[in-house]
Protein backbone atom coordinates (compact mmCIF):
# COMPACT_ATOMS: atom_id res chain seq x y z
CA MET A 1 0.00 0.00 0.00
CA TRP A 2 2.92 2.36 0.65
CA ARG A 3 4.01 2.13 -2.99
CA ALA A 4 0.48 2.83 -4.24
CA ALA A 5 0.04 5.77 -1.87
CA ASN A 6 3.35 7.26 -2.98
CA ASP A 7 2.78 6.67 -6.71
CA SER A 8 5.69 4.23 -6.79
CA LEU A 9 3.97 1.32 -8.51
CA PRO A 10 5.16 0.44 -12.02
CA THR A 11 1.85 1.50 -13.56
CA LYS A 12 1.58 2.07 -17.28
CA LEU A 13 1.29 5.81 -16.65
CA ASN A 14 4.54 5.87 -14.68
CA LEU A 15 6.32 3.71 -17.26
CA PHE A 16 4.94 5.82 -20.13
CA THR A 17 6.15 8.99 -18.39
CA ARG A 18 9.65 7.45 -18.26
CA HIS A 19 9.44 6.54 -22.00
CA ILE A 20 9.48 2.80 -21.26
CA LEU A 21 6.04 1.98 -22.70
CA PRO A 22 4.41 3.40 -25.85
CA ASP A 23 1.02 4.04 -24.19
CA ASN A 24 -0.52 4.49 -20.75
CA VAL A 25 -4.01 3.02 -21.27
CA TYR A 26 -5.20 0.55 -18.62
CA SER A 27 -5.57 -2.83 -20.33
CA LEU A 28 -8.58 -3.99 -18.27
CA CYS A 29 -10.93 -1.19 -19.26
CA GLU A 30 -8.99 0.30 -22.20
CA GLU A 31 -10.51 3.70 -21.41
CA HIS A 32 -8.30 5.54 -18.90
CA PRO A 33 -4.63 5.92 -18.05
CA GLU A 34 -3.33 3.21 -15.73
CA ASP A 35 -2.43 4.92 -12.46
CA ALA A 36 -2.89 3.68 -8.90
CA ILE A 37 -6.14 5.54 -8.15
CA HIS A 38 -7.76 4.26 -11.34
CA CYS A 39 -6.54 0.66 -11.07
CA LEU A 40 -7.32 0.24 -7.40
CA TRP A 41 -10.38 2.46 -6.87
CA LEU A 42 -12.01 4.18 -9.87
CA CYS A 43 -12.09 1.60 -12.64
CA ASP A 44 -15.48 -0.01 -13.22
CA MET A 45 -13.70 -3.38 -13.23
CA VAL A 46 -12.74 -2.98 -9.54
CA LYS A 47 -15.62 -0.85 -8.23
CA CYS A 48 -17.70 -3.99 -7.69
CA ILE A 49 -15.23 -5.12 -5.03
CA TRP A 50 -15.52 -1.87 -3.07
CA LEU A 51 -19.28 -1.58 -3.60
CA SER A 52 -19.86 -5.11 -2.30
CA ASP A 53 -19.26 -3.95 1.28
CA PRO A 54 -21.28 -1.02 2.68
CA ILE A 55 -18.48 -0.02 5.05
CA PHE A 56 -16.73 1.59 2.08
CA SER A 57 -19.72 3.76 1.13
CA LEU A 58 -18.29 6.90 2.78
CA PRO A 59 -15.00 6.85 0.87
CA ARG A 60 -16.94 6.04 -2.34
CA SER A 61 -18.96 9.25 -1.92
CA LYS A 62 -15.85 11.47 -2.08
CA HIS A 63 -13.51 12.33 -4.94
CA PHE A 64 -9.79 11.68 -4.54
CA ARG A 65 -7.06 12.96 -6.85
CA SER A 66 -4.61 10.21 -5.94
CA PHE A 67 -4.47 6.88 -4.16
CA GLY A 68 -2.42 8.60 -1.47
CA ASP A 69 -5.30 11.00 -0.79
CA LEU A 70 -7.73 8.09 -0.61
CA ALA A 71 -5.52 6.04 1.71
CA SER A 72 -4.92 9.04 3.96
CA ALA A 73 -8.66 9.71 4.23
CA VAL A 74 -9.53 6.09 4.96
CA LEU A 75 -6.76 5.66 7.52
CA SER A 76 -7.59 8.89 9.36
CA ASP A 77 -11.39 9.05 9.05
CA THR A 78 -12.40 5.45 9.75
CA SER A 79 -12.09 2.93 12.54
CA PRO A 80 -8.93 0.82 12.86
CA ALA A 81 -10.89 -2.25 11.72
CA ILE A 82 -12.06 -0.54 8.50
CA ALA A 83 -8.58 0.87 7.89
CA ALA A 84 -7.11 -2.63 8.25
CA LEU A 85 -9.69 -4.12 5.89
CA PHE A 86 -9.04 -1.36 3.34
CA SER A 87 -5.30 -2.02 3.56
CA MET A 88 -5.80 -5.73 2.91
CA VAL A 89 -8.20 -5.26 -0.01
CA ALA A 90 -6.21 -2.46 -1.64
């Protein structure tokens, strides 16, 4: 989770920015750039995981610019049990 929160994952967007890959489009949805917030939270392909448990309804109702912002909000605004569950699922 630390790597995702600090934008240190080898996502297609990060690799494209470093001129390693020719494109940055997420291969699962083929609609948006592959960055941590999209892959782990925003993509329709993964939303079903987060929507399956009502304890994540509060974070789903807010907009986050990065996975780091999301993780910070969940870890500071929820109970330790929810924060632990989020950390395992993410």
